[in-house]
Amino acid sequence: MKMSFLTFWKNGVSNGTLYKKTFIEHFEQAPMYVAVLTFVGFGVGTIFGYLRDFMRAWGLEKRNIAEEREQQKDFVPLYQDFENFYTRNLYMRIRDNWNRPICSVPGPQFDLMERVTDDYNWTFRFTGRTIKNVINMGSYNYLGFAETEPNALKTVTKELQKYGTGICSTRQEMGTLDKHVELEKLVAKFLGVDDAMVFGMGFATNSMNIPALVGKGCLILSDELNHTSLVLGARLSGATIRIFKHNNMQSLEKLLRDAIIYGQPRSRRAWRKIIILVEGIYSMEGSIVRLPEIVSLKKKYKAYLYLDEAHSIGAVGATGRGVVEYFGMSPDDVDVLMGTFTKSFGAAGGYIAGKKDLVDFLRTHSHSAVYATSMCPPVAEQIIRAMKCLMGLDGTTQGLQRVRQLGKNTRYFRRRLHEMGFIIYGNDDSPVVPLLLYMPGKIGAFARRMLEKNIGVVVVGFPATPITESRARFCVSAAHTREMLDTVLNALDELGDFLQLKYSRYSKSSHPELYEETRFELED
C-alpha cells in the first residue's frame, strides 16, 4: 500500500473542521543503504579533493582555482576556504549540468546552445551547433504564457512601441505610468482585495518590503524552508527571527505561545509585532502550506501572516487564484499577500496586496518604491494580458482551461512516478515535483543522460538541499502535451532502472516531525 500522510492535527482536533478536502503530501524515507552510500560518495569525493589540492600545491596539477594575489597574502582571506574547496573539487565535476544557455522561448520545448569542455568543466566553449526541441521540464512556465505567438503578443508589441523598453525612474519620482495603475487595479480585483502594488523584481518584492513592515522589537516566525528572498528580507529588517519546522503546527504554536508569555529577551516587554512568514508552494519540496491551520493559529495569538505565493498564484486553485482559493478561504484571512509574475504569468516582477492602508504605507516606505526602477511597460502589459485571460476578461475560457490542464498534467505525472517506484516529495496538486536522486554521482549522470534523450531537467544537490537529499526538480506546465509527458516518463522509467533510482518502498515519512511530533524543545 502506498504511504501518504494527511494533516490530522489542529490543537488535537481532526482537520475536518478546517479542510474542505483531503490534504495529502508525500515524504518517503529512503532505504538505509542509500543514505550510507550517499555519505560514502561525498566522503570519497572529499578525500580525492584533498589529494588533488596536494598535487596542485606541488605543481603536479594545474591550479584552476581562485586564490589570493601575492600582494594580499597578509589580508584577511577574501575566499571562504571550505566553500572554495567544495566548488573546485566536487561541484566542478558536474558543473556542466548547470547554467546551460538556451536560445529560444522557454516554452514546453526549447533549443540549447551546445557547449563542450576541454579542461574538465573549468571552462566551456560553444560548438556553434544547437540542440533542437528539448522537452523543457525545468522552467516555471506553469500556465504556458511564456510564448511568442504573434496574435498573443499583439497588445505587448503595441505597448512596446508606445512606451519603449524602460522607465528610467522610480515609482516615487517619474516612474508611475497609467499601465502600472491599470495593472495594480487588475491584481487587486483578481485577488479579491482592496489594493495592490507591483514591483519590477520578484526577489526584491520580499527582500525590500519585509524591512518596511517589521523592525527592531518585532518577531518574525519563519518556516525553515522559506525562500532566500524571505530570509534576506527578514535579516535586513533587524527583527528577531525564530524558525519553526516546516509545515509543523505544533512547532509554530509553541513559538507563538512562548512569544506571548515571555515577550522580548531580557526586557520581557511585549513584541511590537509578531509576523508569520510562509510560502504557498515550497519550490524545493513541492509541499503546500497548511494555510487553514496557520490562519487559525495567527487569529488565536493575534499575529500577522505574510504569504508568499510565488509558485502557487496561477498554479493552484479552481481559477488559479492560489492557495487561498485552493483551501476555499477568504483573502481577508491573510494580512500580506505577496506573489510574483515570473512564473505563471510568463513575465517579471512581483506584487504585494491586501488592505488599502497596507498598500498606501508601502507606497511611501518600501525601498523598492523609493530606489528601484519601475516595471517596464511591455512587461506590465504581458501580465495584464495573462491575468485577463485567467479572469475570462478576454472573452474566452482559455485561462480556465490552462489551469485545469495544469492540474491534470500534475496529477498524471505524479501518479505515474509513484507507480514506477520513484521517491517524490510534495503535495499531489503541486506542479513542483522533486524526484530524489540522493547519491552525488547520480546527479550528473541523470542530467546528462536525460539531455541525451532531448529532455532538459534541473538537478539540485548540496548545499541547496540537505546532503542526503539531492534531487531532480520537475516543473509541470499546462503547455506540456500528454505525448511530451509520456516521452519524459518513459525515459525516466528506463533511466530509473539503469541508474537504480527506484528507491520507493512506500515507507514512513522521512520527515515524521512534520505530522506526528507533538512536543519538543527548541534548539539554542
Protein backbone atom coordinates (compact mmCIF):
# COMPACT_ATOMS: atom_id res chain seq x y z
CA MET A 1 0.00 0.00 0.00
CA LYS A 2 1.27 3.48 -0.88
CA MET A 3 2.00 5.54 2.22
CA SER A 4 0.59 9.06 2.12
CA PHE A 5 0.47 11.43 5.03
CA LEU A 6 -2.55 13.56 5.86
CA THR A 7 -2.84 16.51 8.20
CA PHE A 8 -4.78 15.31 11.20
CA TRP A 9 -3.90 17.84 13.86
CA LYS A 10 -5.15 21.24 14.77
CA ASN A 11 -4.73 21.59 18.50
CA GLY A 12 -5.73 17.96 18.87
CA VAL A 13 -8.86 18.30 16.69
CA SER A 14 -9.43 16.49 13.40
CA ASN A 15 -8.71 18.71 10.43
CA GLY A 16 -12.17 18.02 9.07
CA THR A 17 -13.35 21.28 10.62
CA LEU A 18 -10.66 23.26 8.79
CA TYR A 19 -10.12 21.50 5.46
CA LYS A 20 -12.77 21.15 2.80
CA LYS A 21 -10.90 18.28 1.12
CA THR A 22 -8.24 15.72 1.97
CA PHE A 23 -4.74 17.19 2.20
CA ILE A 24 -2.13 14.65 1.06
CA GLU A 25 1.64 15.04 0.95
CA HIS A 26 4.44 12.52 0.43
CA PHE A 27 7.80 12.49 2.23
CA GLU A 28 9.01 8.91 1.99
CA GLN A 29 12.15 7.72 3.72
CA ALA A 30 14.93 6.27 1.60
CA PRO A 31 16.35 2.84 2.47
CA MET A 32 19.23 2.97 4.95
CA TYR A 33 21.79 1.71 2.43
CA VAL A 34 21.03 4.70 0.17
CA ALA A 35 21.83 7.19 2.95
CA VAL A 36 25.03 5.28 3.80
CA LEU A 37 26.20 5.18 0.17
CA THR A 38 25.40 8.88 -0.22
CA PHE A 39 27.69 9.81 2.68
CA VAL A 40 30.34 7.42 1.36
CA GLY A 41 30.14 9.12 -2.04
CA PHE A 42 30.69 12.57 -0.53
CA GLY A 43 33.48 11.14 1.64
CA VAL A 44 35.33 9.65 -1.32
CA GLY A 45 34.93 12.90 -3.27
CA THR A 46 36.33 14.88 -0.34
CA ILE A 47 39.36 12.58 0.03
CA PHE A 48 40.20 12.87 -3.66
CA GLY A 49 39.67 16.63 -3.39
CA TYR A 50 42.38 16.93 -0.73
CA LEU A 51 44.64 14.70 -2.82
CA ARG A 52 44.22 16.92 -5.86
CA ASP A 53 44.81 20.05 -3.77
CA PHE A 54 48.06 18.46 -2.59
CA MET A 55 49.06 17.81 -6.19
CA ARG A 56 48.21 21.39 -7.15
CA ALA A 57 50.30 22.74 -4.30
CA TRP A 58 53.34 20.82 -5.58
CA GLY A 59 52.78 21.75 -9.19
CA LEU A 60 51.74 18.27 -10.26
CA GLU A 61 48.37 19.55 -11.46
CA LYS A 62 47.31 22.87 -12.96
CA ARG A 63 45.87 25.35 -10.44
CA ASN A 64 42.49 26.41 -11.89
CA ILE A 65 41.34 27.92 -8.60
CA ALA A 66 40.57 31.35 -7.21
CA GLU A 67 43.35 32.35 -4.84
CA GLU A 68 44.68 35.45 -3.11
CA ARG A 69 47.08 37.66 -5.02
CA GLU A 70 50.63 37.73 -3.75
CA GLN A 71 50.38 41.35 -2.55
CA GLN A 72 47.29 40.44 -0.47
CA LYS A 73 48.74 37.48 1.43
CA ASP A 74 48.59 39.45 4.69
CA PHE A 75 44.93 40.41 4.20
CA VAL A 76 42.00 38.60 5.74
CA PRO A 77 41.17 35.89 3.13
CA LEU A 78 38.64 37.03 0.54
CA TYR A 79 37.54 33.49 -0.34
CA GLN A 80 35.89 31.09 2.09
CA ASP A 81 38.16 28.07 2.41
CA PHE A 82 35.66 25.18 2.52
CA GLU A 83 33.26 26.77 0.03
CA ASN A 84 36.15 27.18 -2.39
CA PHE A 85 37.26 23.59 -1.73
CA TYR A 86 33.75 22.24 -2.35
CA THR A 87 33.38 24.26 -5.54
CA ARG A 88 36.64 23.20 -7.17
CA ASN A 89 36.65 19.56 -6.11
CA LEU A 90 33.00 18.44 -6.03
CA TYR A 91 30.80 20.96 -7.83
CA MET A 92 33.28 21.33 -10.70
CA ARG A 93 32.98 17.63 -11.55
CA ILE A 94 29.30 18.07 -12.53
CA ARG A 95 29.27 21.78 -13.35
CA ASP A 96 28.23 21.07 -16.95
CA ASN A 97 24.71 20.28 -15.71
CA TRP A 98 24.00 23.88 -14.69
CA ASN A 99 23.85 27.25 -16.45
CA ARG A 100 23.21 25.71 -19.84
CA PRO A 101 22.36 28.61 -22.19
CA ILE A 102 19.12 28.32 -24.14
CA CYS A 103 18.45 30.17 -27.40
CA SER A 104 14.65 30.09 -27.73
CA VAL A 105 11.49 30.87 -25.79
CA PRO A 106 11.33 28.71 -22.61
CA GLY A 107 8.09 27.01 -23.63
CA PRO A 108 7.25 23.29 -23.41
CA GLN A 109 10.22 22.75 -25.72
CA PHE A 110 13.34 24.85 -26.22
CA ASP A 111 16.66 24.94 -28.04
CA LEU A 112 20.01 24.65 -26.26
CA MET A 113 23.38 26.02 -27.34
CA GLU A 114 25.75 23.05 -27.47
CA ARG A 115 28.93 23.50 -25.44
CA VAL A 116 31.88 21.27 -24.60
CA THR A 117 34.79 21.43 -22.18
CA ASP A 118 38.45 20.59 -22.76
CA ASP A 119 39.56 21.01 -19.13
CA TYR A 120 37.07 19.01 -17.03
CA ASN A 121 34.39 21.72 -16.69
CA TRP A 122 36.67 24.59 -15.68
CA THR A 123 35.86 26.37 -18.94
CA PHE A 124 33.43 25.78 -21.79
CA ARG A 125 33.43 26.58 -25.48
CA PHE A 126 30.47 26.67 -27.82
CA THR A 127 30.49 24.40 -30.87
CA GLY A 128 28.13 26.61 -32.87
CA ARG A 129 25.54 23.85 -33.04
CA THR A 130 22.08 23.94 -31.46
CA ILE A 131 20.28 21.08 -29.71
CA LYS A 132 16.74 21.42 -31.05
CA ASN A 133 13.34 20.69 -29.49
CA VAL A 134 14.47 19.72 -25.99
CA ILE A 135 11.46 18.99 -23.77
CA ASN A 136 11.52 21.61 -21.04
CA MET A 137 10.88 20.12 -17.59
CA GLY A 138 12.59 22.83 -15.58
CA SER A 139 11.04 26.24 -16.31
CA TYR A 140 8.37 27.77 -14.06
CA ASN A 141 6.11 28.27 -17.07
CA TYR A 142 3.16 26.73 -15.21
CA LEU A 143 0.36 28.08 -17.42
CA GLY A 144 2.27 28.27 -20.69
CA PHE A 145 2.12 32.07 -21.01
CA ALA A 146 5.81 32.27 -21.94
CA GLU A 147 5.10 32.26 -25.65
CA THR A 148 5.94 34.13 -28.84
CA GLU A 149 2.77 33.55 -30.84
CA PRO A 150 2.22 36.86 -32.73
CA ASN A 151 -1.51 37.17 -32.04
CA ALA A 152 -0.99 36.58 -28.32
CA LEU A 153 1.70 39.27 -28.11
CA LYS A 154 -0.10 41.85 -30.26
CA THR A 155 -1.00 44.08 -27.30
CA VAL A 156 2.51 43.73 -25.83
CA THR A 157 4.03 44.88 -29.12
CA LYS A 158 1.70 47.87 -29.14
CA GLU A 159 2.78 48.93 -25.65
CA LEU A 160 6.44 48.48 -26.58
CA GLN A 161 6.01 50.87 -29.49
CA LYS A 162 4.11 53.36 -27.32
CA TYR A 163 6.26 53.39 -24.15
CA GLY A 164 9.60 51.89 -25.13
CA THR A 165 11.58 49.36 -23.10
CA GLY A 166 12.28 51.18 -19.83
CA ILE A 167 11.13 53.92 -17.47
CA CYS A 168 14.50 55.11 -16.14
CA SER A 169 12.93 56.31 -12.90
CA THR A 170 11.48 55.06 -9.62
CA ARG A 171 7.81 54.85 -8.73
CA GLN A 172 8.07 57.82 -6.34
CA GLU A 173 9.69 60.09 -8.92
CA MET A 174 8.74 59.94 -12.61
CA GLY A 175 8.17 56.21 -12.89
CA THR A 176 4.45 55.67 -12.31
CA LEU A 177 2.56 55.16 -15.58
CA ASP A 178 -1.09 54.55 -16.35
CA LYS A 179 -0.06 50.95 -17.11
CA HIS A 180 1.09 50.44 -13.53
CA VAL A 181 -2.17 51.83 -12.18
CA GLU A 182 -4.17 49.58 -14.53
CA LEU A 183 -2.15 46.53 -13.52
CA GLU A 184 -2.48 47.22 -9.79
CA LYS A 185 -6.25 47.58 -10.05
CA LEU A 186 -6.42 44.33 -12.01
CA VAL A 187 -4.26 42.44 -9.49
CA ALA A 188 -6.47 43.66 -6.62
CA LYS A 189 -9.59 42.57 -8.49
CA PHE A 190 -8.06 39.18 -9.35
CA LEU A 191 -7.13 38.51 -5.71
CA GLY A 192 -10.32 39.99 -4.24
CA VAL A 193 -8.56 42.59 -2.05
CA ASP A 194 -8.67 46.37 -1.65
CA ASP A 195 -5.44 47.34 -3.36
CA ALA A 196 -2.10 46.10 -4.69
CA MET A 197 1.33 47.45 -5.56
CA VAL A 198 3.58 45.97 -8.24
CA PHE A 199 7.39 45.84 -8.32
CA GLY A 200 9.90 45.22 -11.09
CA MET A 201 11.67 42.28 -9.42
CA GLY A 202 10.14 39.30 -7.62
CA PHE A 203 13.11 38.69 -5.31
CA ALA A 204 13.16 42.34 -4.24
CA THR A 205 9.42 42.25 -3.55
CA ASN A 206 10.25 40.18 -0.47
CA SER A 207 13.71 41.40 0.44
CA MET A 208 12.88 45.11 0.18
CA ASN A 209 9.35 45.14 1.63
CA ILE A 210 9.64 42.97 4.73
CA PRO A 211 12.03 45.56 6.29
CA ALA A 212 9.34 48.19 5.73
CA LEU A 213 6.79 46.16 7.68
CA VAL A 214 8.82 44.97 10.68
CA GLY A 215 11.89 46.16 12.54
CA LYS A 216 13.60 46.14 15.90
CA GLY A 217 11.30 44.93 18.67
CA CYS A 218 9.29 42.78 16.24
CA LEU A 219 9.29 39.00 15.97
CA ILE A 220 9.38 37.03 12.72
CA LEU A 221 8.35 33.36 12.77
CA SER A 222 9.72 31.84 9.57
CA ASP A 223 9.25 28.37 8.09
CA GLU A 224 12.61 26.58 7.94
CA LEU A 225 12.25 26.01 4.17
CA ASN A 226 11.38 29.58 3.20
CA HIS A 227 12.96 31.03 0.06
CA THR A 228 16.17 33.07 0.28
CA SER A 229 14.30 36.28 -0.57
CA LEU A 230 12.17 35.87 2.57
CA VAL A 231 15.23 35.02 4.65
CA LEU A 232 17.13 38.05 3.36
CA GLY A 233 14.18 40.36 3.94
CA ALA A 234 13.81 39.08 7.50
CA ARG A 235 17.51 39.60 8.22
CA LEU A 236 17.55 43.11 6.73
CA SER A 237 14.58 44.12 8.87
CA GLY A 238 16.52 43.92 12.15
CA ALA A 239 13.67 41.99 13.75
CA THR A 240 14.22 38.92 15.91
CA ILE A 241 13.85 35.75 13.85
CA ARG A 242 12.68 32.37 15.11
CA ILE A 243 12.45 29.32 12.86
CA PHE A 244 9.67 26.74 13.04
CA LYS A 245 9.79 23.29 11.49
CA HIS A 246 8.39 23.01 8.01
CA ASN A 247 4.59 22.94 7.98
CA ASN A 248 4.64 21.84 11.63
CA MET A 249 1.79 23.44 13.55
CA GLN A 250 3.00 22.20 16.93
CA SER A 251 6.35 23.91 16.37
CA LEU A 252 4.69 27.14 15.24
CA GLU A 253 2.22 27.20 18.10
CA LYS A 254 4.97 26.66 20.67
CA LEU A 255 6.85 29.67 19.31
CA LEU A 256 3.69 31.78 19.29
CA ARG A 257 2.79 30.76 22.84
CA ASP A 258 6.30 31.44 24.12
CA ALA A 259 6.33 34.82 22.37
CA ILE A 260 3.13 35.85 24.11
CA ILE A 261 4.16 34.52 27.54
CA TYR A 262 7.81 35.62 27.69
CA GLY A 263 7.92 38.61 25.35
CA GLN A 264 11.26 40.05 24.23
CA PRO A 265 14.53 38.63 25.60
CA ARG A 266 15.90 40.33 28.74
CA SER A 267 13.35 43.17 28.88
CA ARG A 268 10.31 40.84 28.74
CA ARG A 269 8.35 43.59 27.05
CA ALA A 270 5.62 42.54 24.65
CA TRP A 271 6.67 42.24 21.00
CA ARG A 272 5.67 45.21 18.87
CA LYS A 273 4.50 42.87 16.12
CA ILE A 274 4.56 39.12 15.51
CA ILE A 275 4.51 38.12 11.83
CA ILE A 276 4.47 34.62 10.35
CA LEU A 277 6.31 34.13 7.04
CA VAL A 278 5.25 31.19 4.85
CA GLU A 279 5.11 30.21 1.18
CA GLY A 280 2.17 28.88 -0.81
CA ILE A 281 4.14 26.13 -2.59
CA TYR A 282 7.68 25.37 -1.43
CA SER A 283 9.87 25.26 -4.50
CA MET A 284 12.30 22.56 -3.34
CA GLU A 285 9.87 20.25 -1.53
CA GLY A 286 6.74 20.63 -3.68
CA SER A 287 4.69 20.91 -0.49
CA ILE A 288 1.71 23.24 0.03
CA VAL A 289 1.36 25.42 3.12
CA ARG A 290 -1.17 24.22 5.69
CA LEU A 291 -2.95 27.56 5.43
CA PRO A 292 -6.19 26.83 7.34
CA GLU A 293 -4.27 25.79 10.44
CA ILE A 294 -1.82 28.70 10.22
CA VAL A 295 -4.68 31.19 9.86
CA SER A 296 -6.37 29.62 12.88
CA LEU A 297 -3.18 29.99 14.93
CA LYS A 298 -2.48 33.56 13.83
CA LYS A 299 -6.01 34.59 14.81
CA LYS A 300 -5.73 32.81 18.15
CA TYR A 301 -2.47 34.56 19.06
CA LYS A 302 -3.19 37.90 17.32
CA ALA A 303 -0.25 37.61 14.92
CA TYR A 304 0.12 38.78 11.31
CA LEU A 305 0.51 36.48 8.31
CA TYR A 306 2.75 37.16 5.28
CA LEU A 307 2.05 34.67 2.45
CA ASP A 308 4.49 34.30 -0.46
CA GLU A 309 2.58 32.88 -3.43
CA ALA A 310 5.42 32.97 -5.95
CA HIS A 311 4.87 29.35 -7.04
CA SER A 312 1.18 29.00 -6.17
CA ILE A 313 -0.52 32.02 -7.74
CA GLY A 314 -1.92 30.86 -11.06
CA ALA A 315 -0.78 27.30 -10.41
CA VAL A 316 -3.38 26.07 -7.88
CA GLY A 317 -6.97 26.89 -7.07
CA ALA A 318 -10.02 26.30 -9.25
CA THR A 319 -9.42 29.53 -11.19
CA GLY A 320 -5.69 29.96 -10.47
CA ARG A 321 -6.04 32.33 -7.53
CA GLY A 322 -3.52 30.46 -5.40
CA VAL A 323 -3.62 28.62 -2.11
CA VAL A 324 -6.25 30.94 -0.61
CA GLU A 325 -8.69 29.75 -3.25
CA TYR A 326 -7.29 26.20 -3.09
CA PHE A 327 -8.38 25.94 0.55
CA GLY A 328 -11.64 27.85 -0.02
CA MET A 329 -10.61 30.70 2.27
CA SER A 330 -11.09 34.46 2.20
CA PRO A 331 -8.23 36.79 1.15
CA ASP A 332 -9.03 38.78 4.28
CA ASP A 333 -7.61 35.89 6.33
CA VAL A 334 -4.11 36.81 5.09
CA ASP A 335 -2.65 40.17 6.13
CA VAL A 336 0.00 40.45 3.40
CA LEU A 337 -0.46 38.65 0.07
CA MET A 338 2.73 38.52 -1.97
CA GLY A 339 3.31 36.89 -5.34
CA THR A 340 5.42 37.07 -8.46
CA PHE A 341 4.71 37.41 -12.17
CA THR A 342 7.82 35.46 -13.15
CA LYS A 343 6.19 32.05 -13.24
CA SER A 344 2.52 31.55 -14.06
CA PHE A 345 2.26 34.88 -15.93
CA GLY A 346 5.35 34.49 -18.13
CA ALA A 347 6.69 37.92 -17.22
CA ALA A 348 8.78 39.54 -14.47
CA GLY A 349 8.26 41.35 -11.17
CA GLY A 350 6.06 40.84 -8.14
CA TYR A 351 3.21 42.30 -6.12
CA ILE A 352 2.05 42.89 -2.58
CA ALA A 353 -1.69 43.09 -2.00
CA GLY A 354 -4.11 43.48 0.88
CA LYS A 355 -5.88 46.25 2.73
CA LYS A 356 -5.63 49.76 1.28
CA ASP A 357 -3.87 51.07 4.40
CA LEU A 358 -1.13 48.43 3.97
CA VAL A 359 -0.53 49.24 0.31
CA ASP A 360 -0.57 53.01 0.90
CA PHE A 361 2.03 52.52 3.63
CA LEU A 362 4.30 50.57 1.26
CA ARG A 363 3.97 53.18 -1.48
CA THR A 364 5.68 55.57 0.93
CA HIS A 365 8.07 53.32 2.86
CA SER A 366 9.05 50.49 0.51
CA HIS A 367 12.71 50.58 -0.59
CA SER A 368 11.60 49.23 -3.96
CA ALA A 369 9.27 52.19 -4.44
CA VAL A 370 11.93 54.70 -3.40
CA TYR A 371 15.04 53.30 -5.11
CA ALA A 372 14.19 50.62 -7.69
CA THR A 373 13.36 51.34 -11.32
CA SER A 374 9.71 50.83 -12.26
CA MET A 375 8.44 47.80 -14.10
CA CYS A 376 8.85 48.31 -17.85
CA PRO A 377 5.53 48.80 -19.72
CA PRO A 378 5.73 45.80 -22.11
CA VAL A 379 6.18 43.51 -19.10
CA ALA A 380 3.21 45.15 -17.37
CA GLU A 381 1.11 44.59 -20.49
CA GLN A 382 2.13 40.92 -20.66
CA ILE A 383 0.93 40.46 -17.07
CA ILE A 384 -2.33 42.27 -17.83
CA ARG A 385 -2.85 40.07 -20.89
CA ALA A 386 -2.25 36.85 -18.95
CA MET A 387 -4.35 37.91 -15.96
CA LYS A 388 -7.29 38.98 -18.13
CA CYS A 389 -7.08 35.60 -19.82
CA LEU A 390 -7.25 33.87 -16.43
CA MET A 391 -10.20 36.02 -15.37
CA GLY A 392 -12.05 35.47 -18.64
CA LEU A 393 -11.99 39.19 -19.41
CA ASP A 394 -10.60 38.46 -22.89
CA GLY A 395 -13.90 36.86 -23.82
CA THR A 396 -12.56 33.29 -23.81
CA THR A 397 -12.29 30.38 -21.40
CA GLN A 398 -8.68 29.72 -22.37
CA GLY A 399 -7.30 30.79 -18.99
CA LEU A 400 -9.57 28.42 -17.07
CA GLN A 401 -8.67 25.64 -19.49
CA ARG A 402 -4.96 26.23 -18.81
CA VAL A 403 -5.50 26.00 -15.05
CA ARG A 404 -7.44 22.76 -15.43
CA GLN A 405 -4.88 21.31 -17.84
CA LEU A 406 -2.07 22.09 -15.40
CA GLY A 407 -3.95 20.21 -12.68
CA LYS A 408 -4.49 17.21 -14.93
CA ASN A 409 -0.86 17.14 -16.06
CA THR A 410 0.38 17.47 -12.48
CA ARG A 411 -1.71 14.63 -11.08
CA TYR A 412 -0.92 12.37 -14.06
CA PHE A 413 2.83 12.98 -13.86
CA ARG A 414 2.96 12.44 -10.10
CA ARG A 415 0.80 9.30 -10.24
CA ARG A 416 2.97 7.69 -12.91
CA LEU A 417 6.17 8.42 -11.00
CA HIS A 418 4.68 6.84 -7.87
CA GLU A 419 3.67 3.77 -9.86
CA MET A 420 7.19 3.41 -11.26
CA GLY A 421 8.68 3.30 -7.78
CA PHE A 422 10.44 6.67 -7.54
CA ILE A 423 10.51 8.64 -4.30
CA ILE A 424 8.95 12.03 -4.95
CA TYR A 425 8.16 14.75 -2.44
CA GLY A 426 5.28 17.13 -2.05
CA ASN A 427 1.55 17.56 -2.46
CA ASP A 428 -0.45 15.70 -5.09
CA ASP A 429 -1.65 19.04 -6.53
CA SER A 430 1.76 20.74 -6.61
CA PRO A 431 3.26 21.25 -10.11
CA VAL A 432 6.71 21.28 -8.48
CA VAL A 433 7.79 17.62 -8.45
CA PRO A 434 11.09 16.74 -6.71
CA LEU A 435 12.41 13.27 -7.61
CA LEU A 436 15.04 12.07 -5.14
CA LEU A 437 18.44 11.01 -6.53
CA TYR A 438 20.43 11.02 -3.25
CA MET A 439 23.93 10.00 -4.39
CA PRO A 440 26.23 12.74 -5.75
CA GLY A 441 27.49 10.66 -8.66
CA LYS A 442 23.96 10.13 -9.92
CA ILE A 443 23.22 13.87 -10.15
CA GLY A 444 25.46 14.39 -13.16
CA ALA A 445 24.69 11.03 -14.73
CA PHE A 446 20.94 11.68 -14.53
CA ALA A 447 21.02 15.15 -16.11
CA ARG A 448 23.45 14.15 -18.88
CA ARG A 449 21.52 11.05 -19.90
CA MET A 450 18.22 12.92 -19.87
CA LEU A 451 19.72 15.54 -22.19
CA GLU A 452 20.89 12.76 -24.50
CA LYS A 453 17.20 11.87 -24.77
CA ASN A 454 16.38 15.51 -25.59
CA ILE A 455 14.89 16.24 -22.16
CA GLY A 456 16.06 19.23 -20.15
CA VAL A 457 15.90 18.82 -16.38
CA VAL A 458 17.02 20.75 -13.30
CA VAL A 459 19.14 18.82 -10.80
CA VAL A 460 19.80 20.13 -7.29
CA GLY A 461 22.30 19.00 -4.68
CA PHE A 462 24.11 20.07 -1.52
CA PRO A 463 24.26 22.83 -0.29
CA ALA A 464 20.92 23.81 -1.90
CA THR A 465 19.42 20.64 -0.39
CA PRO A 466 20.35 18.51 2.64
CA ILE A 467 23.44 16.44 1.89
CA THR A 468 21.46 13.19 1.71
CA GLU A 469 18.59 14.55 -0.41
CA SER A 470 19.94 15.51 -3.85
CA ARG A 471 17.15 15.58 -6.38
CA ALA A 472 15.84 16.42 -9.81
CA ARG A 473 13.11 19.05 -9.74
CA PHE A 474 10.47 18.86 -12.45
CA CYS A 475 8.10 21.73 -13.13
CA VAL A 476 4.93 20.64 -14.89
CA SER A 477 3.26 23.05 -17.32
CA ALA A 478 -0.18 23.35 -18.86
CA ALA A 479 1.67 23.62 -22.18
CA HIS A 480 3.02 20.08 -21.88
CA THR A 481 1.06 17.66 -24.04
CA ARG A 482 0.31 14.12 -22.88
CA GLU A 483 2.75 12.87 -25.53
CA MET A 484 5.54 15.05 -24.08
CA LEU A 485 4.87 13.82 -20.56
CA ASP A 486 4.79 10.21 -21.73
CA THR A 487 8.11 10.69 -23.52
CA VAL A 488 9.63 12.02 -20.29
CA LEU A 489 8.05 9.29 -18.18
CA ASN A 490 9.28 6.52 -20.50
CA ALA A 491 12.79 7.98 -20.37
CA LEU A 492 12.59 8.18 -16.58
CA ASP A 493 11.38 4.59 -16.36
CA GLU A 494 14.32 3.39 -18.42
CA LEU A 495 16.87 5.61 -16.67
CA GLY A 496 15.46 4.72 -13.25
CA ASP A 497 16.28 1.07 -13.91
CA PHE A 498 19.69 1.84 -15.39
CA LEU A 499 20.82 4.14 -12.53
CA GLN A 500 18.82 2.20 -9.89
CA LEU A 501 16.81 5.23 -8.77
CA LYS A 502 13.57 3.45 -7.89
CA TYR A 503 14.02 3.51 -4.13
CA SER A 504 10.38 3.73 -3.06
CA ARG A 505 9.15 1.18 -0.55
CA TYR A 506 6.12 3.27 0.46
CA SER A 507 7.66 3.52 3.91
CA LYS A 508 7.18 6.01 6.68
CA SER A 509 7.85 9.69 6.07
CA SER A 510 11.44 10.88 6.23
CA HIS A 511 10.03 13.99 7.94
CA PRO A 512 7.83 12.47 10.67
CA GLU A 513 8.08 15.61 12.74
CA LEU A 514 6.03 17.43 10.12
CA TYR A 515 2.99 15.43 11.06
CA GLU A 516 3.50 13.42 14.23
CA GLU A 517 5.61 15.39 16.65
CA THR A 518 3.59 16.92 19.48
CA ARG A 519 6.26 18.15 21.87
CA PHE A 520 9.94 19.08 21.65
CA GLU A 521 12.48 21.60 22.85
CA LEU A 522 13.70 24.34 20.58
CA GLU A 523 17.39 24.32 19.70
CA ASP A 524 19.55 27.11 21.06
